[in-house]
Amino acid sequence: ALWEKSGSDLLLSAGTEPRIRVDGALRPVDGTEVMKG
């Protein structure tokens, strides 16, 4: 998903969906669920 969106970063943090940084802004990865620690 990060590659296809030409994103720069992937962040995994408990209590939220995986997020990717695209054009400087973080956004949840489509179709993902909140991650557990």
All heavy atoms as atom14 arrays in JSON, in Angstrom:
{
  "sequence": "ALWEKSGSDLLLSAGTEPRIRVDGALRPVDGTEVMKG",
  "atom14_mask": [
    [1, 1, 1, 1, 1, 0, 0, 0, 0, 0, 0, 0, 0, 0],
    [1, 1, 1, 1, 1, 1, 1, 1, 0, 0, 0, 0, 0, 0],
    [1, 1, 1, 1, 1, 1, 1, 1, 1, 1, 1, 1, 1, 1],
    [1, 1, 1, 1, 1, 1, 1, 1, 1, 0, 0, 0, 0, 0],
    [1, 1, 1, 1, 1, 1, 1, 1, 1, 0, 0, 0, 0, 0],
    [1, 1, 1, 1, 1, 1, 0, 0, 0, 0, 0, 0, 0, 0],
    [1, 1, 1, 1, 0, 0, 0, 0, 0, 0, 0, 0, 0, 0],
    [1, 1, 1, 1, 1, 1, 0, 0, 0, 0, 0, 0, 0, 0],
    [1, 1, 1, 1, 1, 1, 1, 1, 0, 0, 0, 0, 0, 0],
    [1, 1, 1, 1, 1, 1, 1, 1, 0, 0, 0, 0, 0, 0],
    [1, 1, 1, 1, 1, 1, 1, 1, 0, 0, 0, 0, 0, 0],
    [1, 1, 1, 1, 1, 1, 1, 1, 0, 0, 0, 0, 0, 0],
    [1, 1, 1, 1, 1, 1, 0, 0, 0, 0, 0, 0, 0, 0],
    [1, 1, 1, 1, 1, 0, 0, 0, 0, 0, 0, 0, 0, 0],
    [1, 1, 1, 1, 0, 0, 0, 0, 0, 0, 0, 0, 0, 0],
    [1, 1, 1, 1, 1, 1, 1, 0, 0, 0, 0, 0, 0, 0],
    [1, 1, 1, 1, 1, 1, 1, 1, 1, 0, 0, 0, 0, 0],
    [1, 1, 1, 1, 1, 1, 1, 0, 0, 0, 0, 0, 0, 0],
    [1, 1, 1, 1, 1, 1, 1, 1, 1, 1, 1, 0, 0, 0],
    [1, 1, 1, 1, 1, 1, 1, 1, 0, 0, 0, 0, 0, 0],
    [1, 1, 1, 1, 1, 1, 1, 1, 1, 1, 1, 0, 0, 0],
    [1, 1, 1, 1, 1, 1, 1, 0, 0, 0, 0, 0, 0, 0],
    [1, 1, 1, 1, 1, 1, 1, 1, 0, 0, 0, 0, 0, 0],
    [1, 1, 1, 1, 0, 0, 0, 0, 0, 0, 0, 0, 0, 0],
    [1, 1, 1, 1, 1, 0, 0, 0, 0, 0, 0, 0, 0, 0],
    [1, 1, 1, 1, 1, 1, 1, 1, 0, 0, 0, 0, 0, 0],
    [1, 1, 1, 1, 1, 1, 1, 1, 1, 1, 1, 0, 0, 0],
    [1, 1, 1, 1, 1, 1, 1, 0, 0, 0, 0, 0, 0, 0],
    [1, 1, 1, 1, 1, 1, 1, 0, 0, 0, 0, 0, 0, 0],
    [1, 1, 1, 1, 1, 1, 1, 1, 0, 0, 0, 0, 0, 0],
    [1, 1, 1, 1, 0, 0, 0, 0, 0, 0, 0, 0, 0, 0],
    [1, 1, 1, 1, 1, 1, 1, 0, 0, 0, 0, 0, 0, 0],
    [1, 1, 1, 1, 1, 1, 1, 1, 1, 0, 0, 0, 0, 0],
    [1, 1, 1, 1, 1, 1, 1, 0, 0, 0, 0, 0, 0, 0],
    [1, 1, 1, 1, 1, 1, 1, 1, 0, 0, 0, 0, 0, 0],
    [1, 1, 1, 1, 1, 1, 1, 1, 1, 0, 0, 0, 0, 0],
    [1, 1, 1, 1, 0, 0, 0, 0, 0, 0, 0, 0, 0, 0]
  ],
  "atom14_positions": [
    [[0.84, -1.21, 0.0], [0.0, 0.0, 0.0], [0.86, 1.25, 0.0], [0.58, 2.23, -0.7], [-0.92, -0.01, 1.22], [0.0, 0.0, 0.0], [0.0, 0.0, 0.0], [0.0, 0.0, 0.0], [0.0, 0.0, 0.0], [0.0, 0.0, 0.0], [0.0, 0.0, 0.0], [0.0, 0.0, 0.0], [0.0, 0.0, 0.0], [0.0, 0.0, 0.0]],
    [[1.95, 1.23, 0.77], [2.87, 2.37, 0.82], [3.51, 2.59, -0.55], [3.59, 3.73, -1.04], [3.94, 2.1, 1.88], [4.97, 3.2, 2.12], [4.33, 4.45, 2.68], [6.07, 2.7, 3.08], [0.0, 0.0, 0.0], [0.0, 0.0, 0.0], [0.0, 0.0, 0.0], [0.0, 0.0, 0.0], [0.0, 0.0, 0.0], [0.0, 0.0, 0.0]],
    [[3.94, 1.51, -1.18], [4.59, 1.57, -2.49], [3.62, 2.09, -3.56], [3.97, 2.98, -4.35], [5.11, 0.19, -2.86], [5.82, 0.09, -4.16], [5.27, -0.19, -5.37], [7.22, 0.29, -4.39], [6.23, -0.2, -6.35], [7.43, 0.09, -5.78], [8.29, 0.59, -3.57], [8.7, 0.19, -6.35], [9.56, 0.7, -4.14], [9.75, 0.5, -5.51]],
    [[2.41, 1.55, -3.57], [1.43, 1.92, -4.6], [1.0, 3.38, -4.5], [0.67, 4.0, -5.51], [0.21, 1.0, -4.5], [0.5, -0.43, -4.94], [-0.56, -1.42, -4.49], [-1.59, -0.95, -3.94], [-0.37, -2.63, -4.67], [0.0, 0.0, 0.0], [0.0, 0.0, 0.0], [0.0, 0.0, 0.0], [0.0, 0.0, 0.0], [0.0, 0.0, 0.0]],
    [[1.0, 3.92, -3.28], [0.62, 5.32, -3.07], [1.81, 6.27, -3.18], [1.66, 7.47, -2.96], [-0.02, 5.5, -1.69], [-1.33, 4.73, -1.49], [-2.47, 5.34, -2.28], [-3.79, 4.67, -1.95], [-4.91, 5.24, -2.72], [0.0, 0.0, 0.0], [0.0, 0.0, 0.0], [0.0, 0.0, 0.0], [0.0, 0.0, 0.0], [0.0, 0.0, 0.0]],
    [[3.0, 5.71, -3.5], [4.23, 6.51, -3.54], [4.46, 7.23, -2.22], [4.88, 8.39, -2.18], [4.19, 7.52, -4.7], [4.07, 6.87, -5.94], [0.0, 0.0, 0.0], [0.0, 0.0, 0.0], [0.0, 0.0, 0.0], [0.0, 0.0, 0.0], [0.0, 0.0, 0.0], [0.0, 0.0, 0.0], [0.0, 0.0, 0.0], [0.0, 0.0, 0.0]],
    [[4.16, 6.53, -1.13], [4.34, 7.1, 0.2], [5.77, 6.99, 0.67], [6.6, 6.29, 0.07], [0.0, 0.0, 0.0], [0.0, 0.0, 0.0], [0.0, 0.0, 0.0], [0.0, 0.0, 0.0], [0.0, 0.0, 0.0], [0.0, 0.0, 0.0], [0.0, 0.0, 0.0], [0.0, 0.0, 0.0], [0.0, 0.0, 0.0], [0.0, 0.0, 0.0]],
    [[6.06, 7.65, 1.77], [7.42, 7.67, 2.3], [7.58, 6.86, 3.57], [8.66, 6.32, 3.83], [7.87, 9.12, 2.56], [7.0, 9.75, 3.49], [0.0, 0.0, 0.0], [0.0, 0.0, 0.0], [0.0, 0.0, 0.0], [0.0, 0.0, 0.0], [0.0, 0.0, 0.0], [0.0, 0.0, 0.0], [0.0, 0.0, 0.0], [0.0, 0.0, 0.0]],
    [[6.53, 6.77, 4.4], [6.67, 6.17, 5.72], [5.46, 5.32, 6.06], [4.34, 5.58, 5.61], [6.8, 7.26, 6.8], [7.99, 8.16, 6.58], [7.88, 9.14, 5.81], [9.05, 7.89, 7.16], [0.0, 0.0, 0.0], [0.0, 0.0, 0.0], [0.0, 0.0, 0.0], [0.0, 0.0, 0.0], [0.0, 0.0, 0.0], [0.0, 0.0, 0.0]],
    [[5.7, 4.31, 6.91], [4.66, 3.47, 7.47], [4.8, 3.49, 8.98], [5.91, 3.3, 9.5], [4.78, 2.03, 6.95], [3.92, 0.96, 7.64], [2.44, 1.21, 7.39], [4.33, -0.44, 7.15], [0.0, 0.0, 0.0], [0.0, 0.0, 0.0], [0.0, 0.0, 0.0], [0.0, 0.0, 0.0], [0.0, 0.0, 0.0], [0.0, 0.0, 0.0]],
    [[3.71, 3.76, 9.69], [3.73, 3.83, 11.15], [2.77, 2.8, 11.73], [1.58, 2.79, 11.38], [3.35, 5.23, 11.63], [3.27, 5.42, 13.15], [4.64, 5.24, 13.79], [2.68, 6.79, 13.49], [0.0, 0.0, 0.0], [0.0, 0.0, 0.0], [0.0, 0.0, 0.0], [0.0, 0.0, 0.0], [0.0, 0.0, 0.0], [0.0, 0.0, 0.0]],
    [[3.28, 1.95, 12.6], [2.46, 0.98, 13.33], [2.47, 1.36, 14.8], [3.53, 1.4, 15.44], [3.01, -0.44, 13.16], [3.26, -0.94, 11.74], [3.72, -2.39, 11.76], [2.0, -0.79, 10.88], [0.0, 0.0, 0.0], [0.0, 0.0, 0.0], [0.0, 0.0, 0.0], [0.0, 0.0, 0.0], [0.0, 0.0, 0.0], [0.0, 0.0, 0.0]],
    [[1.28, 1.66, 15.34], [1.17, 2.08, 16.73], [-0.1, 1.49, 17.32], [-1.16, 1.48, 16.67], [1.15, 3.61, 16.83], [1.15, 4.04, 18.16], [0.0, 0.0, 0.0], [0.0, 0.0, 0.0], [0.0, 0.0, 0.0], [0.0, 0.0, 0.0], [0.0, 0.0, 0.0], [0.0, 0.0, 0.0], [0.0, 0.0, 0.0], [0.0, 0.0, 0.0]],
    [[-0.01, 0.97, 18.53], [-1.15, 0.33, 19.16], [-2.3, 1.32, 19.34], [-2.09, 2.48, 19.68], [-0.75, -0.26, 20.52], [0.0, 0.0, 0.0], [0.0, 0.0, 0.0], [0.0, 0.0, 0.0], [0.0, 0.0, 0.0], [0.0, 0.0, 0.0], [0.0, 0.0, 0.0], [0.0, 0.0, 0.0], [0.0, 0.0, 0.0], [0.0, 0.0, 0.0]],
    [[-3.52, 0.85, 19.09], [-4.7, 1.68, 19.29], [-5.15, 2.44, 18.07], [-6.12, 3.2, 18.12], [0.0, 0.0, 0.0], [0.0, 0.0, 0.0], [0.0, 0.0, 0.0], [0.0, 0.0, 0.0], [0.0, 0.0, 0.0], [0.0, 0.0, 0.0], [0.0, 0.0, 0.0], [0.0, 0.0, 0.0], [0.0, 0.0, 0.0], [0.0, 0.0, 0.0]],
    [[-4.47, 2.25, 16.94], [-4.9, 2.91, 15.7], [-4.55, 2.01, 14.52], [-3.76, 1.07, 14.64], [-4.22, 4.28, 15.54], [-4.78, 4.97, 14.4], [-2.72, 4.15, 15.34], [0.0, 0.0, 0.0], [0.0, 0.0, 0.0], [0.0, 0.0, 0.0], [0.0, 0.0, 0.0], [0.0, 0.0, 0.0], [0.0, 0.0, 0.0], [0.0, 0.0, 0.0]],
    [[-5.15, 2.3, 13.37], [-4.85, 1.54, 12.17], [-3.42, 1.84, 11.71], [-2.87, 2.88, 12.04], [-5.81, 1.91, 11.02], [-7.28, 1.78, 11.37], [-7.87, 3.09, 11.83], [-7.12, 3.92, 12.41], [-9.08, 3.29, 11.61], [0.0, 0.0, 0.0], [0.0, 0.0, 0.0], [0.0, 0.0, 0.0], [0.0, 0.0, 0.0], [0.0, 0.0, 0.0]],
    [[-2.81, 0.94, 10.92], [-1.53, 1.27, 10.28], [-1.69, 2.54, 9.44], [-2.72, 2.71, 8.76], [-1.24, 0.05, 9.4], [-2.06, -1.04, 9.99], [-3.28, -0.4, 10.56], [0.0, 0.0, 0.0], [0.0, 0.0, 0.0], [0.0, 0.0, 0.0], [0.0, 0.0, 0.0], [0.0, 0.0, 0.0], [0.0, 0.0, 0.0], [0.0, 0.0, 0.0]],
    [[-0.74, 3.42, 9.5], [-0.83, 4.69, 8.77], [0.37, 4.85, 7.85], [1.49, 4.48, 8.2], [-0.91, 5.87, 9.74], [-2.19, 5.88, 10.57], [-2.15, 6.95, 11.65], [-3.34, 6.9, 12.5], [-4.34, 7.77, 12.44], [-4.3, 8.77, 11.58], [-5.38, 7.65, 13.25], [0.0, 0.0, 0.0], [0.0, 0.0, 0.0], [0.0, 0.0, 0.0]],
    [[0.11, 5.41, 6.67], [1.19, 5.7, 5.72], [1.24, 7.21, 5.49], [0.23, 7.91, 5.59], [1.0, 4.96, 4.38], [-0.37, 5.29, 3.75], [1.16, 3.47, 4.57], [-0.56, 4.67, 2.37], [0.0, 0.0, 0.0], [0.0, 0.0, 0.0], [0.0, 0.0, 0.0], [0.0, 0.0, 0.0], [0.0, 0.0, 0.0], [0.0, 0.0, 0.0]],
    [[2.46, 7.69, 5.22], [2.64, 9.12, 4.94], [2.72, 9.31, 3.43], [3.64, 8.79, 2.78], [3.9, 9.64, 5.62], [4.06, 11.17, 5.52], [5.3, 11.67, 6.25], [5.23, 11.38, 7.68], [4.59, 12.12, 8.57], [3.91, 13.19, 8.15], [4.61, 11.81, 9.84], [0.0, 0.0, 0.0], [0.0, 0.0, 0.0], [0.0, 0.0, 0.0]],
    [[1.78, 10.04, 2.9], [1.72, 10.33, 1.46], [1.67, 11.84, 1.28], [0.81, 12.51, 1.87], [0.49, 9.66, 0.81], [0.44, 9.98, -0.69], [0.51, 8.16, 1.03], [0.0, 0.0, 0.0], [0.0, 0.0, 0.0], [0.0, 0.0, 0.0], [0.0, 0.0, 0.0], [0.0, 0.0, 0.0], [0.0, 0.0, 0.0], [0.0, 0.0, 0.0]],
    [[2.6, 12.39, 0.51], [2.68, 13.83, 0.29], [2.73, 14.59, 1.62], [2.14, 15.65, 1.79], [1.51, 14.34, -0.55], [1.5, 13.75, -1.95], [2.54, 13.19, -2.35], [0.47, 13.85, -2.63], [0.0, 0.0, 0.0], [0.0, 0.0, 0.0], [0.0, 0.0, 0.0], [0.0, 0.0, 0.0], [0.0, 0.0, 0.0], [0.0, 0.0, 0.0]],
    [[3.44, 14.01, 2.58], [3.66, 14.68, 3.85], [2.59, 14.46, 4.89], [2.77, 14.85, 6.05], [0.0, 0.0, 0.0], [0.0, 0.0, 0.0], [0.0, 0.0, 0.0], [0.0, 0.0, 0.0], [0.0, 0.0, 0.0], [0.0, 0.0, 0.0], [0.0, 0.0, 0.0], [0.0, 0.0, 0.0], [0.0, 0.0, 0.0], [0.0, 0.0, 0.0]],
    [[1.44, 13.86, 4.54], [0.33, 13.69, 5.48], [0.12, 12.21, 5.8], [0.16, 11.36, 4.91], [-0.95, 14.28, 4.9], [0.0, 0.0, 0.0], [0.0, 0.0, 0.0], [0.0, 0.0, 0.0], [0.0, 0.0, 0.0], [0.0, 0.0, 0.0], [0.0, 0.0, 0.0], [0.0, 0.0, 0.0], [0.0, 0.0, 0.0], [0.0, 0.0, 0.0]],
    [[-0.1, 11.92, 7.1], [-0.38, 10.55, 7.52], [-1.85, 10.22, 7.29], [-2.73, 11.03, 7.57], [-0.06, 10.38, 9.01], [1.37, 10.03, 9.41], [1.48, 9.99, 10.92], [1.82, 8.72, 8.81], [0.0, 0.0, 0.0], [0.0, 0.0, 0.0], [0.0, 0.0, 0.0], [0.0, 0.0, 0.0], [0.0, 0.0, 0.0], [0.0, 0.0, 0.0]],
    [[-2.09, 9.01, 6.79], [-3.46, 8.57, 6.57], [-3.55, 7.07, 6.85], [-2.59, 6.33, 6.6], [-3.9, 8.87, 5.15], [-3.07, 8.17, 4.07], [-3.47, 8.55, 2.66], [-3.17, 9.94, 2.38], [-3.29, 10.47, 1.16], [-3.72, 9.72, 0.15], [-3.0, 11.73, 0.95], [0.0, 0.0, 0.0], [0.0, 0.0, 0.0], [0.0, 0.0, 0.0]],
    [[-4.69, 6.59, 7.36], [-4.84, 5.14, 7.61], [-4.78, 4.37, 6.3], [-5.22, 4.85, 5.25], [-6.22, 5.04, 8.25], [-6.52, 6.4, 8.78], [-5.85, 7.36, 7.83], [0.0, 0.0, 0.0], [0.0, 0.0, 0.0], [0.0, 0.0, 0.0], [0.0, 0.0, 0.0], [0.0, 0.0, 0.0], [0.0, 0.0, 0.0], [0.0, 0.0, 0.0]],
    [[-4.26, 3.16, 6.37], [-4.25, 2.27, 5.21], [-5.67, 1.72, 5.01], [-6.29, 1.22, 5.95], [-3.26, 1.11, 5.4], [-3.3, 0.16, 4.21], [-1.85, 1.64, 5.61], [0.0, 0.0, 0.0], [0.0, 0.0, 0.0], [0.0, 0.0, 0.0], [0.0, 0.0, 0.0], [0.0, 0.0, 0.0], [0.0, 0.0, 0.0], [0.0, 0.0, 0.0]],
    [[-6.19, 1.86, 3.81], [-7.55, 1.42, 3.53], [-7.75, -0.06, 3.88], [-6.89, -0.91, 3.58], [-7.88, 1.61, 2.04], [-7.93, 3.08, 1.64], [-8.1, 3.91, 2.55], [-7.79, 3.38, 0.44], [0.0, 0.0, 0.0], [0.0, 0.0, 0.0], [0.0, 0.0, 0.0], [0.0, 0.0, 0.0], [0.0, 0.0, 0.0], [0.0, 0.0, 0.0]],
    [[-8.86, -0.36, 4.53], [-9.22, -1.74, 4.8], [-8.51, -2.38, 5.98], [-8.64, -3.59, 6.18], [0.0, 0.0, 0.0], [0.0, 0.0, 0.0], [0.0, 0.0, 0.0], [0.0, 0.0, 0.0], [0.0, 0.0, 0.0], [0.0, 0.0, 0.0], [0.0, 0.0, 0.0], [0.0, 0.0, 0.0], [0.0, 0.0, 0.0], [0.0, 0.0, 0.0]],
    [[-7.78, -1.59, 6.76], [-7.07, -2.16, 7.91], [-7.83, -1.89, 9.21], [-8.68, -1.0, 9.27], [-5.65, -1.59, 8.02], [-5.72, -0.15, 8.14], [-4.82, -1.96, 6.81], [0.0, 0.0, 0.0], [0.0, 0.0, 0.0], [0.0, 0.0, 0.0], [0.0, 0.0, 0.0], [0.0, 0.0, 0.0], [0.0, 0.0, 0.0], [0.0, 0.0, 0.0]],
    [[-7.48, -2.64, 10.23], [-8.12, -2.5, 11.54], [-7.13, -1.94, 12.55], [-5.92, -1.94, 12.32], [-8.64, -3.87, 12.0], [-9.69, -4.47, 11.08], [-10.17, -5.83, 11.58], [-9.59, -6.34, 12.56], [-11.11, -6.37, 10.98], [0.0, 0.0, 0.0], [0.0, 0.0, 0.0], [0.0, 0.0, 0.0], [0.0, 0.0, 0.0], [0.0, 0.0, 0.0]],
    [[-7.68, -1.49, 13.67], [-6.85, -1.0, 14.76], [-5.9, -2.1, 15.23], [-6.3, -3.26, 15.39], [-7.74, -0.53, 15.94], [-6.9, -0.24, 17.17], [-8.53, 0.7, 15.53], [0.0, 0.0, 0.0], [0.0, 0.0, 0.0], [0.0, 0.0, 0.0], [0.0, 0.0, 0.0], [0.0, 0.0, 0.0], [0.0, 0.0, 0.0], [0.0, 0.0, 0.0]],
    [[-4.62, -1.75, 15.41], [-3.62, -2.73, 15.78], [-3.48, -2.84, 17.3], [-3.69, -1.86, 18.03], [-2.26, -2.38, 15.17], [-2.23, -2.38, 13.66], [-0.55, -2.47, 12.99], [-0.16, -4.21, 13.3], [0.0, 0.0, 0.0], [0.0, 0.0, 0.0], [0.0, 0.0, 0.0], [0.0, 0.0, 0.0], [0.0, 0.0, 0.0], [0.0, 0.0, 0.0]],
    [[-3.13, -4.02, 17.76], [-2.86, -4.25, 19.16], [-1.35, -4.28, 19.4], [-0.57, -4.61, 18.5], [-3.48, -5.58, 19.6], [-4.99, -5.62, 19.48], [-5.54, -6.98, 19.89], [-7.06, -7.03, 19.74], [-7.6, -8.37, 20.1], [0.0, 0.0, 0.0], [0.0, 0.0, 0.0], [0.0, 0.0, 0.0], [0.0, 0.0, 0.0], [0.0, 0.0, 0.0]],
    [[-0.97, -3.94, 20.61], [0.45, -3.88, 20.93], [1.18, -5.19, 20.72], [2.32, -5.21, 20.22], [0.0, 0.0, 0.0], [0.0, 0.0, 0.0], [0.0, 0.0, 0.0], [0.0, 0.0, 0.0], [0.0, 0.0, 0.0], [0.0, 0.0, 0.0], [0.0, 0.0, 0.0], [0.0, 0.0, 0.0], [0.0, 0.0, 0.0], [0.0, 0.0, 0.0]]
  ]
}
